[in-house]
Amino acid sequence: MLSVVDTFSNIRQCFPSGQFSLPDWKKYAAGIAAEFPGKIIDDIACYRFEEEILPVVQNVYTNWEKLELAHTSFQTAIDKISKQLSEMVSLPILKLKQEYQIFTEQ
């Protein structure tokens, strides 16, 4: 079975005072998977963070309504895909897990 971890409810914790915080994001991302922050940092190393990455990430906070809509669409899509795959093979394939406790102080 493939589990899809939905961490949407924790995203705001990456934006204390309305500004993106890389240290807080690293804690958030490590709650998803311990190796996740390092992999993402490695992937974005070839970009200019302040000019090319930060504006996109900050847009999450400033356009929260659009992110909520995208999240709802994501949940709907995962649910439909899961049902269709389960019907095809008569087994549960995808499971959408809500994660509420992944942001921990370290």
N, C-alpha and C. Protein backbone atom coordinates (compact mmCIF):
# COMPACT_ATOMS: atom_id res chain seq x y z
N MET A 1 0.84 -1.18 0.00
CA MET A 1 0.00 0.00 0.00
C MET A 1 0.89 1.24 0.00
N LEU A 2 0.47 2.22 -0.73
CA LEU A 2 1.15 3.51 -0.80
C LEU A 2 0.39 4.50 0.07
N SER A 3 1.06 5.13 0.99
CA SER A 3 0.43 6.15 1.83
C SER A 3 0.83 7.53 1.34
N VAL A 4 -0.15 8.39 1.19
CA VAL A 4 0.07 9.78 0.83
C VAL A 4 -0.12 10.58 2.11
N VAL A 5 0.92 11.25 2.54
CA VAL A 5 0.87 11.99 3.80
C VAL A 5 0.45 13.43 3.51
N ASP A 6 -0.67 13.82 4.06
CA ASP A 6 -1.21 15.16 3.86
C ASP A 6 -0.80 16.03 5.05
N THR A 7 0.14 16.91 4.85
CA THR A 7 0.65 17.76 5.93
C THR A 7 0.16 19.21 5.80
N PHE A 8 -0.86 19.41 5.04
CA PHE A 8 -1.37 20.75 4.77
C PHE A 8 -1.62 21.55 6.05
N SER A 9 -2.18 20.91 7.05
CA SER A 9 -2.54 21.63 8.27
C SER A 9 -1.33 22.18 9.01
N ASN A 10 -0.15 21.75 8.67
CA ASN A 10 1.07 22.18 9.35
C ASN A 10 1.88 23.24 8.59
N ILE A 11 1.47 23.56 7.39
CA ILE A 11 2.28 24.44 6.54
C ILE A 11 2.46 25.83 7.15
N ARG A 12 1.43 26.37 7.77
CA ARG A 12 1.53 27.73 8.32
C ARG A 12 2.66 27.85 9.34
N GLN A 13 3.06 26.78 9.95
CA GLN A 13 4.13 26.82 10.94
C GLN A 13 5.47 27.21 10.32
N CYS A 14 5.57 27.16 9.01
CA CYS A 14 6.79 27.57 8.30
C CYS A 14 6.84 29.07 8.07
N PHE A 15 5.79 29.79 8.50
CA PHE A 15 5.67 31.22 8.24
C PHE A 15 5.40 32.01 9.52
N PRO A 16 6.30 31.95 10.48
CA PRO A 16 6.06 32.77 11.67
C PRO A 16 6.04 34.26 11.27
N SER A 17 5.11 34.98 11.80
CA SER A 17 4.96 36.41 11.50
C SER A 17 4.72 36.67 10.02
N GLY A 18 4.25 35.68 9.28
CA GLY A 18 3.94 35.87 7.87
C GLY A 18 5.12 35.79 6.92
N GLN A 19 6.30 35.48 7.43
CA GLN A 19 7.50 35.37 6.60
C GLN A 19 8.01 33.93 6.64
N PHE A 20 8.42 33.43 5.48
CA PHE A 20 8.95 32.07 5.41
C PHE A 20 10.20 31.94 6.27
N SER A 21 10.26 30.86 7.03
CA SER A 21 11.42 30.57 7.87
C SER A 21 12.04 29.25 7.43
N LEU A 22 13.26 29.30 6.91
CA LEU A 22 13.93 28.08 6.47
C LEU A 22 14.16 27.11 7.63
N PRO A 23 14.61 27.56 8.80
CA PRO A 23 14.78 26.62 9.93
C PRO A 23 13.45 25.95 10.32
N ASP A 24 12.36 26.71 10.34
CA ASP A 24 11.06 26.10 10.66
C ASP A 24 10.61 25.15 9.57
N TRP A 25 10.89 25.50 8.31
CA TRP A 25 10.56 24.59 7.21
C TRP A 25 11.34 23.29 7.34
N LYS A 26 12.61 23.37 7.71
CA LYS A 26 13.41 22.15 7.86
C LYS A 26 12.81 21.22 8.91
N LYS A 27 12.32 21.78 10.01
CA LYS A 27 11.66 20.96 11.04
C LYS A 27 10.39 20.33 10.48
N TYR A 28 9.61 21.14 9.77
CA TYR A 28 8.38 20.66 9.14
C TYR A 28 8.69 19.52 8.16
N ALA A 29 9.66 19.74 7.30
CA ALA A 29 10.01 18.75 6.28
C ALA A 29 10.58 17.48 6.90
N ALA A 30 11.37 17.61 7.95
CA ALA A 30 11.94 16.43 8.63
C ALA A 30 10.84 15.59 9.27
N GLY A 31 9.72 16.23 9.62
CA GLY A 31 8.59 15.49 10.16
C GLY A 31 7.91 14.61 9.11
N ILE A 32 8.08 14.96 7.86
CA ILE A 32 7.54 14.14 6.76
C ILE A 32 8.46 12.95 6.53
N ALA A 33 9.75 13.22 6.42
CA ALA A 33 10.76 12.18 6.26
C ALA A 33 12.10 12.79 6.66
N ALA A 34 12.85 12.09 7.46
CA ALA A 34 14.10 12.62 8.01
C ALA A 34 15.05 13.13 6.93
N GLU A 35 15.09 12.46 5.80
CA GLU A 35 16.02 12.83 4.74
C GLU A 35 15.47 13.92 3.80
N PHE A 36 14.21 14.26 3.94
CA PHE A 36 13.56 15.19 3.03
C PHE A 36 14.21 16.57 2.97
N PRO A 37 14.47 17.24 4.11
CA PRO A 37 15.07 18.59 4.01
C PRO A 37 16.39 18.60 3.25
N GLY A 38 17.26 17.65 3.53
CA GLY A 38 18.55 17.60 2.85
C GLY A 38 18.42 17.40 1.35
N LYS A 39 17.48 16.54 0.95
CA LYS A 39 17.28 16.31 -0.48
C LYS A 39 16.77 17.56 -1.19
N ILE A 40 15.85 18.26 -0.55
CA ILE A 40 15.32 19.48 -1.17
C ILE A 40 16.41 20.56 -1.24
N ILE A 41 17.15 20.73 -0.15
CA ILE A 41 18.25 21.72 -0.14
C ILE A 41 19.25 21.40 -1.24
N ASP A 42 19.59 20.13 -1.41
CA ASP A 42 20.50 19.73 -2.49
C ASP A 42 19.90 20.06 -3.86
N ASP A 43 18.60 19.79 -4.03
CA ASP A 43 17.94 20.04 -5.31
C ASP A 43 17.90 21.51 -5.69
N ILE A 44 17.78 22.39 -4.70
CA ILE A 44 17.67 23.82 -5.02
C ILE A 44 19.01 24.55 -4.99
N ALA A 45 20.08 23.82 -4.75
CA ALA A 45 21.41 24.44 -4.63
C ALA A 45 21.83 25.21 -5.88
N CYS A 46 21.34 24.79 -7.03
CA CYS A 46 21.75 25.46 -8.27
C CYS A 46 20.93 26.72 -8.56
N TYR A 47 20.00 27.05 -7.68
CA TYR A 47 19.18 28.25 -7.85
C TYR A 47 19.61 29.34 -6.88
N ARG A 48 19.28 30.56 -7.19
CA ARG A 48 19.50 31.68 -6.27
C ARG A 48 18.28 31.74 -5.35
N PHE A 49 18.44 31.27 -4.13
CA PHE A 49 17.32 31.10 -3.22
C PHE A 49 16.51 32.38 -3.05
N GLU A 50 17.16 33.48 -2.71
CA GLU A 50 16.45 34.74 -2.42
C GLU A 50 15.65 35.25 -3.63
N GLU A 51 16.18 35.04 -4.84
CA GLU A 51 15.54 35.58 -6.03
C GLU A 51 14.58 34.60 -6.70
N GLU A 52 14.91 33.31 -6.67
CA GLU A 52 14.15 32.35 -7.46
C GLU A 52 13.27 31.40 -6.65
N ILE A 53 13.62 31.10 -5.43
CA ILE A 53 12.87 30.14 -4.62
C ILE A 53 11.97 30.85 -3.61
N LEU A 54 12.54 31.76 -2.85
CA LEU A 54 11.80 32.42 -1.78
C LEU A 54 10.51 33.10 -2.26
N PRO A 55 10.50 33.81 -3.38
CA PRO A 55 9.24 34.43 -3.80
C PRO A 55 8.12 33.41 -4.07
N VAL A 56 8.49 32.27 -4.60
CA VAL A 56 7.50 31.22 -4.86
C VAL A 56 6.97 30.66 -3.54
N VAL A 57 7.87 30.38 -2.61
CA VAL A 57 7.48 29.83 -1.32
C VAL A 57 6.66 30.85 -0.54
N GLN A 58 7.08 32.10 -0.53
CA GLN A 58 6.34 33.13 0.19
C GLN A 58 4.94 33.31 -0.39
N ASN A 59 4.79 33.04 -1.66
CA ASN A 59 3.49 33.13 -2.31
C ASN A 59 2.46 32.19 -1.68
N VAL A 60 2.92 31.09 -1.09
CA VAL A 60 2.03 30.17 -0.39
C VAL A 60 1.28 30.92 0.70
N TYR A 61 1.99 31.71 1.47
CA TYR A 61 1.37 32.42 2.59
C TYR A 61 0.48 33.57 2.12
N THR A 62 0.92 34.28 1.11
CA THR A 62 0.17 35.45 0.68
C THR A 62 -1.04 35.09 -0.18
N ASN A 63 -1.11 33.88 -0.69
CA ASN A 63 -2.25 33.41 -1.50
C ASN A 63 -2.85 32.16 -0.88
N TRP A 64 -3.14 32.24 0.40
CA TRP A 64 -3.59 31.07 1.16
C TRP A 64 -4.87 30.46 0.58
N GLU A 65 -5.79 31.28 0.10
CA GLU A 65 -7.05 30.76 -0.44
C GLU A 65 -6.80 29.85 -1.64
N LYS A 66 -5.84 30.22 -2.47
CA LYS A 66 -5.51 29.38 -3.63
C LYS A 66 -4.88 28.08 -3.18
N LEU A 67 -4.06 28.14 -2.13
CA LEU A 67 -3.45 26.92 -1.61
C LEU A 67 -4.52 26.00 -1.03
N GLU A 68 -5.50 26.56 -0.34
CA GLU A 68 -6.60 25.75 0.19
C GLU A 68 -7.36 25.06 -0.93
N LEU A 69 -7.59 25.78 -2.01
CA LEU A 69 -8.27 25.20 -3.16
C LEU A 69 -7.43 24.07 -3.77
N ALA A 70 -6.14 24.31 -3.91
CA ALA A 70 -5.25 23.26 -4.44
C ALA A 70 -5.25 22.04 -3.52
N HIS A 71 -5.28 22.27 -2.22
CA HIS A 71 -5.30 21.16 -1.26
C HIS A 71 -6.59 20.34 -1.39
N THR A 72 -7.71 21.03 -1.51
CA THR A 72 -8.99 20.34 -1.68
C THR A 72 -8.98 19.51 -2.96
N SER A 73 -8.45 20.09 -4.03
CA SER A 73 -8.34 19.35 -5.30
C SER A 73 -7.43 18.14 -5.15
N PHE A 74 -6.33 18.29 -4.43
CA PHE A 74 -5.41 17.19 -4.17
C PHE A 74 -6.13 16.06 -3.43
N GLN A 75 -6.87 16.40 -2.39
CA GLN A 75 -7.59 15.38 -1.62
C GLN A 75 -8.61 14.66 -2.50
N THR A 76 -9.32 15.41 -3.31
CA THR A 76 -10.32 14.81 -4.20
C THR A 76 -9.66 13.88 -5.21
N ALA A 77 -8.56 14.33 -5.78
CA ALA A 77 -7.85 13.50 -6.78
C ALA A 77 -7.33 12.21 -6.15
N ILE A 78 -6.72 12.30 -4.98
CA ILE A 78 -6.19 11.10 -4.31
C ILE A 78 -7.32 10.14 -3.99
N ASP A 79 -8.44 10.67 -3.52
CA ASP A 79 -9.59 9.83 -3.19
C ASP A 79 -10.10 9.10 -4.43
N LYS A 80 -10.24 9.82 -5.53
CA LYS A 80 -10.73 9.21 -6.77
C LYS A 80 -9.75 8.17 -7.31
N ILE A 81 -8.46 8.51 -7.30
CA ILE A 81 -7.44 7.56 -7.78
C ILE A 81 -7.45 6.31 -6.92
N SER A 82 -7.53 6.48 -5.63
CA SER A 82 -7.54 5.35 -4.71
C SER A 82 -8.74 4.43 -4.99
N LYS A 83 -9.91 5.03 -5.13
CA LYS A 83 -11.11 4.23 -5.39
C LYS A 83 -11.00 3.49 -6.72
N GLN A 84 -10.54 4.17 -7.76
CA GLN A 84 -10.42 3.53 -9.07
C GLN A 84 -9.41 2.40 -9.05
N LEU A 85 -8.25 2.62 -8.43
CA LEU A 85 -7.25 1.56 -8.37
C LEU A 85 -7.73 0.39 -7.53
N SER A 86 -8.40 0.69 -6.44
CA SER A 86 -8.92 -0.37 -5.57
C SER A 86 -9.94 -1.22 -6.30
N GLU A 87 -10.79 -0.59 -7.09
CA GLU A 87 -11.78 -1.32 -7.87
C GLU A 87 -11.12 -2.21 -8.92
N MET A 88 -10.02 -1.72 -9.50
CA MET A 88 -9.33 -2.48 -10.54
C MET A 88 -8.67 -3.74 -9.99
N VAL A 89 -8.11 -3.66 -8.81
CA VAL A 89 -7.36 -4.80 -8.28
C VAL A 89 -7.97 -5.39 -7.01
N SER A 90 -9.10 -4.85 -6.59
CA SER A 90 -9.81 -5.33 -5.40
C SER A 90 -8.97 -5.27 -4.13
N LEU A 91 -8.05 -4.33 -4.08
CA LEU A 91 -7.23 -4.11 -2.88
C LEU A 91 -7.07 -2.61 -2.65
N PRO A 92 -6.94 -2.20 -1.41
CA PRO A 92 -6.65 -0.78 -1.19
C PRO A 92 -5.21 -0.47 -1.63
N ILE A 93 -5.04 0.52 -2.47
CA ILE A 93 -3.73 0.85 -3.02
C ILE A 93 -3.18 2.12 -2.39
N LEU A 94 -3.98 3.16 -2.35
CA LEU A 94 -3.55 4.44 -1.80
C LEU A 94 -4.32 4.72 -0.52
N LYS A 95 -3.66 5.34 0.39
CA LYS A 95 -4.31 5.73 1.63
C LYS A 95 -3.88 7.15 1.95
N LEU A 96 -4.83 8.05 2.07
CA LEU A 96 -4.52 9.44 2.41
C LEU A 96 -4.52 9.55 3.92
N LYS A 97 -3.37 9.89 4.46
CA LYS A 97 -3.24 10.03 5.91
C LYS A 97 -3.17 11.50 6.26
N GLN A 98 -3.94 11.88 7.23
CA GLN A 98 -3.86 13.24 7.76
C GLN A 98 -2.82 13.20 8.87
N GLU A 99 -1.83 14.04 8.78
CA GLU A 99 -0.78 14.12 9.79
C GLU A 99 -0.90 15.45 10.51
N TYR A 100 -1.14 15.41 11.80
CA TYR A 100 -1.32 16.63 12.55
C TYR A 100 -0.20 16.89 13.55
N GLN A 101 0.62 15.93 13.84
CA GLN A 101 1.62 16.07 14.90
C GLN A 101 3.04 15.97 14.37
N ILE A 102 3.31 16.35 13.14
CA ILE A 102 4.63 16.11 12.61
C ILE A 102 5.62 17.24 12.91
N PHE A 103 5.14 18.40 13.30
CA PHE A 103 6.03 19.53 13.57
C PHE A 103 6.45 19.47 15.02
N THR A 104 7.69 19.16 15.27
CA THR A 104 8.15 19.02 16.64
C THR A 104 9.37 19.90 16.86
N GLU A 105 9.51 20.39 18.05
CA GLU A 105 10.71 21.16 18.40
C GLU A 105 11.88 20.21 18.52
N GLN A 106 13.02 20.62 17.97
CA GLN A 106 14.20 19.76 18.05
C GLN A 106 15.34 20.52 18.67
